[in-house]
Each structure stands twice: as C-alpha cells, then as structure tokens.
C-alpha atoms as a PDB file:
ATOM      1  CA  MET A   1       6.578 -21.267   9.748  1.00  0.00           C
ATOM      2  CA  ASN A   2       4.407 -21.527   6.655  1.00  0.00           C
ATOM      3  CA  SER A   3       4.617 -25.118   5.353  1.00  0.00           C
ATOM      4  CA  LYS A   4       3.924 -24.064   1.769  1.00  0.00           C
ATOM      5  CA  LYS A   5       6.619 -22.407  -0.296  1.00  0.00           C
ATOM      6  CA  PRO A   6       6.285 -18.729   0.628  1.00  0.00           C
ATOM      7  CA  LYS A   7       5.232 -16.285  -2.020  1.00  0.00           C
ATOM      8  CA  SER A   8       8.096 -13.865  -2.140  1.00  0.00           C
ATOM      9  CA  LYS A   9       9.996 -11.729  -4.546  1.00  0.00           C
ATOM     10  CA  GLN A  10      13.011  -9.511  -4.486  1.00  0.00           C
ATOM     11  CA  ILE A  11      11.811  -5.998  -5.254  1.00  0.00           C
ATOM     12  CA  SER A  12      15.160  -4.378  -5.950  1.00  0.00           C
ATOM     13  CA  HIS A  13      18.843  -4.854  -5.250  1.00  0.00           C
ATOM     14  CA  ASN A  14      21.043  -1.858  -5.801  1.00  0.00           C
ATOM     15  CA  PHE A  15      24.132  -0.520  -4.101  1.00  0.00           C
ATOM     16  CA  PHE A  16      22.327   1.024  -1.145  1.00  0.00           C
ATOM     17  CA  VAL A  17      18.953  -0.663  -0.676  1.00  0.00           C
ATOM     18  CA  VAL A  18      17.732  -4.254  -0.895  1.00  0.00           C
ATOM     19  CA  GLU A  19      14.001  -4.899  -0.641  1.00  0.00           C
ATOM     20  CA  TYR A  20      12.036  -8.100  -0.114  1.00  0.00           C
ATOM     21  CA  GLU A  21       8.345  -8.884  -0.009  1.00  0.00           C
ATOM     22  CA  PHE A  22       6.948 -12.137   1.369  1.00  0.00           C
ATOM     23  CA  ILE A  23       3.976 -13.732   3.104  1.00  0.00           C
ATOM     24  CA  GLU A  24       4.522 -15.658   6.336  1.00  0.00           C
ATOM     25  CA  LYS A  25       2.565 -16.469   9.503  1.00  0.00           C
ATOM     26  CA  LEU A  26       2.648 -14.388  12.660  1.00  0.00           C
ATOM     27  CA  TRP A  27       3.582 -16.510  15.672  1.00  0.00           C
ATOM     28  CA  LYS A  28       4.027 -16.016  19.406  1.00  0.00           C
ATOM     29  CA  TYR A  29       6.955 -16.993  21.626  1.00  0.00           C
ATOM     30  CA  ASN A  30       6.255 -17.203  25.357  1.00  0.00           C
ATOM     31  CA  SER A  31       9.044 -16.833  27.883  1.00  0.00           C
ATOM     32  CA  ALA A  32       8.789 -16.864  31.667  1.00  0.00           C
ATOM     33  CA  SER A  33       8.573 -13.070  31.781  1.00  0.00           C
ATOM     34  CA  ALA A  34       7.029 -11.940  28.473  1.00  0.00           C
ATOM     35  CA  SER A  35       5.538 -12.848  25.116  1.00  0.00           C
ATOM     36  CA  TRP A  36       7.143 -11.930  21.807  1.00  0.00           C
ATOM     37  CA  TYR A  37       5.608 -11.963  18.340  1.00  0.00           C
ATOM     38  CA  PHE A  38       7.566 -12.740  15.184  1.00  0.00           C
ATOM     39  CA  ILE A  39       7.387 -13.440  11.482  1.00  0.00           C
ATOM     40  CA  HIS A  40      10.075 -15.578   9.821  1.00  0.00           C
ATOM     41  CA  VAL A  41      11.986 -14.133   6.888  1.00  0.00           C
ATOM     42  CA  PRO A  42      11.812 -17.016   4.350  1.00  0.00           C
ATOM     43  CA  PRO A  43      14.910 -19.255   4.052  1.00  0.00           C
ATOM     44  CA  GLU A  44      15.745 -18.088   0.512  1.00  0.00           C
ATOM     45  CA  GLN A  45      15.816 -14.427   1.540  1.00  0.00           C
ATOM     46  CA  THR A  46      17.644 -15.232   4.787  1.00  0.00           C
ATOM     47  CA  LEU A  47      20.383 -17.011   2.851  1.00  0.00           C
ATOM     48  CA  GLU A  48      20.750 -14.118   0.414  1.00  0.00           C
ATOM     49  CA  ILE A  49      20.876 -11.564   3.224  1.00  0.00           C
ATOM     50  CA  LYS A  50      23.518 -13.592   5.085  1.00  0.00           C
ATOM     51  CA  THR A  51      25.704 -14.249   2.041  1.00  0.00           C
ATOM     52  CA  THR A  52      25.363 -11.401  -0.435  1.00  0.00           C
ATOM     53  CA  VAL A  53      23.884  -8.263   1.095  1.00  0.00           C
ATOM     54  CA  PRO A  54      26.770  -5.887   1.911  1.00  0.00           C
ATOM     55  CA  ILE A  55      25.214  -4.526   5.099  1.00  0.00           C
ATOM     56  CA  PRO A  56      27.111  -4.643   8.390  1.00  0.00           C
ATOM     57  CA  LYS A  57      25.596  -6.860  11.054  1.00  0.00           C
ATOM     58  CA  VAL A  58      25.001  -5.336  14.498  1.00  0.00           C
ATOM     59  CA  GLY A  59      24.407  -6.913  17.929  1.00  0.00           C
ATOM     60  CA  TRP A  60      23.679 -10.671  17.931  1.00  0.00           C
ATOM     61  CA  GLY A  61      24.116 -10.759  14.143  1.00  0.00           C
ATOM     62  CA  SER A  62      21.020  -8.637  13.624  1.00  0.00           C
ATOM     63  CA  VAL A  63      20.419  -6.524  10.534  1.00  0.00           C
ATOM     64  CA  ARG A  64      18.645  -3.163  10.627  1.00  0.00           C
ATOM     65  CA  VAL A  65      15.576  -2.954   8.405  1.00  0.00           C
ATOM     66  CA  GLN A  66      12.580  -0.827   7.605  1.00  0.00           C
ATOM     67  CA  ALA A  67       9.488  -3.024   7.711  1.00  0.00           C
ATOM     68  CA  THR A  68       6.020  -2.412   6.313  1.00  0.00           C
ATOM     69  CA  ILE A  69       2.836  -4.354   6.986  1.00  0.00           C
ATOM     70  CA  GLY A  70      -0.287  -2.867   5.481  1.00  0.00           C
ATOM     71  CA  LYS A  71      -0.157   0.887   6.081  1.00  0.00           C
ATOM     72  CA  THR A  72       2.259   0.621   9.020  1.00  0.00           C
ATOM     73  CA  THR A  73       5.999   1.221   8.489  1.00  0.00           C
ATOM     74  CA  TRP A  74       8.629   1.127  11.241  1.00  0.00           C
ATOM     75  CA  LYS A  75      12.363   0.674  11.748  1.00  0.00           C
ATOM     76  CA  THR A  76      13.569  -2.425  13.567  1.00  0.00           C
ATOM     77  CA  SER A  77      16.082  -5.245  13.190  1.00  0.00           C
ATOM     78  CA  ILE A  78      15.812  -8.839  12.032  1.00  0.00           C
ATOM     79  CA  PHE A  79      17.552 -11.423  14.200  1.00  0.00           C
ATOM     80  CA  PRO A  80      19.111 -14.750  13.176  1.00  0.00           C
ATOM     81  CA  ASN A  81      17.439 -17.867  14.568  1.00  0.00           C
ATOM     82  CA  ASN A  82      19.730 -20.894  14.485  1.00  0.00           C
ATOM     83  CA  GLU A  83      16.854 -23.286  15.183  1.00  0.00           C
ATOM     84  CA  THR A  84      15.032 -22.423  11.940  1.00  0.00           C
ATOM     85  CA  ALA A  85      17.983 -21.039   9.917  1.00  0.00           C
ATOM     86  CA  THR A  86      15.924 -17.915   9.216  1.00  0.00           C
ATOM     87  CA  TYR A  87      15.878 -14.322  10.370  1.00  0.00           C
ATOM     88  CA  LEU A  88      13.068 -13.319  12.733  1.00  0.00           C
ATOM     89  CA  LEU A  89      11.192 -10.046  12.323  1.00  0.00           C
ATOM     90  CA  PRO A  90       9.757  -8.909  15.675  1.00  0.00           C
ATOM     91  CA  ILE A  91       6.229  -7.491  15.428  1.00  0.00           C
ATOM     92  CA  LYS A  92       5.506  -4.980  18.174  1.00  0.00           C
ATOM     93  CA  ALA A  93       2.078  -4.489  19.756  1.00  0.00           C
ATOM     94  CA  GLU A  94       1.573  -1.134  18.047  1.00  0.00           C
ATOM     95  CA  VAL A  95       1.860  -2.797  14.621  1.00  0.00           C
ATOM     96  CA  ARG A  96      -0.315  -5.788  15.577  1.00  0.00           C
ATOM     97  CA  LYS A  97      -3.054  -3.462  16.814  1.00  0.00           C
ATOM     98  CA  ALA A  98      -2.879  -1.017  13.886  1.00  0.00           C
ATOM     99  CA  GLU A  99      -3.055  -3.835  11.329  1.00  0.00           C
ATOM    100  CA  GLN A 100      -5.406  -6.073  13.379  1.00  0.00           C
ATOM    101  CA  LEU A 101      -2.996  -9.019  13.214  1.00  0.00           C
ATOM    102  CA  GLU A 102      -3.714 -12.345  14.880  1.00  0.00           C
ATOM    103  CA  ILE A 103      -1.488 -15.330  15.706  1.00  0.00           C
ATOM    104  CA  GLU A 104      -1.205 -17.807  12.791  1.00  0.00           C
ATOM    105  CA  GLN A 105      -2.440 -15.188  10.320  1.00  0.00           C
ATOM    106  CA  ASN A 106      -0.588 -15.025   6.994  1.00  0.00           C
ATOM    107  CA  VAL A 107       0.907 -11.551   6.767  1.00  0.00           C
ATOM    108  CA  LYS A 108       2.345  -9.751   3.763  1.00  0.00           C
ATOM    109  CA  VAL A 109       5.632  -8.108   4.760  1.00  0.00           C
ATOM    110  CA  HIS A 110       7.875  -5.681   2.905  1.00  0.00           C
ATOM    111  CA  ILE A 111      11.376  -5.110   4.294  1.00  0.00           C
ATOM    112  CA  LYS A 112      14.111  -2.734   3.157  1.00  0.00           C
ATOM    113  CA  ILE A 113      17.730  -3.166   4.156  1.00  0.00           C
ATOM    114  CA  GLY A 114      20.177  -0.287   3.888  1.00  0.00           C
ATOM    115  CA  VAL A 115      17.787   2.592   4.500  1.00  0.00           C
END
C-alpha cells in the first residue's frame, strides 16, 4: 500500500451513484495455484463505503463497481481485506496489458458504485 497519504477525492455522491478517484500502487499476490493483482481502495474511502454508501453487499462482503484506469473501463467487485482494513480492487490481465501496468506502479483509479 502507498505509504504516503493517497491523493483521492470524492467525485460525486447522489442517491444512485457514488464515485471515487484515487492513486494507489498495483501489487501482486501469489498463491500456490495462481497470481492475483490488486489495488487497495484507500482507508478513507473504504470506511465511507462500509458505513455510509447505501449499496447492498454481495458475496464475501464485496461491492459491485465500475472501474476505470486510463482508457479501460470494466465492471467488477471490490472485496474487503481484514488484514489491511481496505477494499481490494482486482486488476485483470486484460486491463494490465491494455494500460501497460507494472507491479509497484502508482495507478490512478476511478470507481463508481451503484451503476
């Protein structure tokens, strides 16, 4: 996770859609059978999503989002991570390749909840 205070801002918060923009590092998790790539949703936004956003949680406490990095937009879910007290945004290979992302790179992310 980025050790500096992340640059983030809430774009809008209305009845149907909540949007956030932030910059965090891409990181890789290795398991015995696969590798997964994630970006942390900053703690401030995670807390707001958990406590004030009126969106139903789905499996494993995940929240459906529309994510945008660069020119690539896709629908996915963010997942709670108890170890870091943040949500994790999974970054699939298609996005990493399209946006030429590398591990430890700071990435500007835009997420929409409620779309």
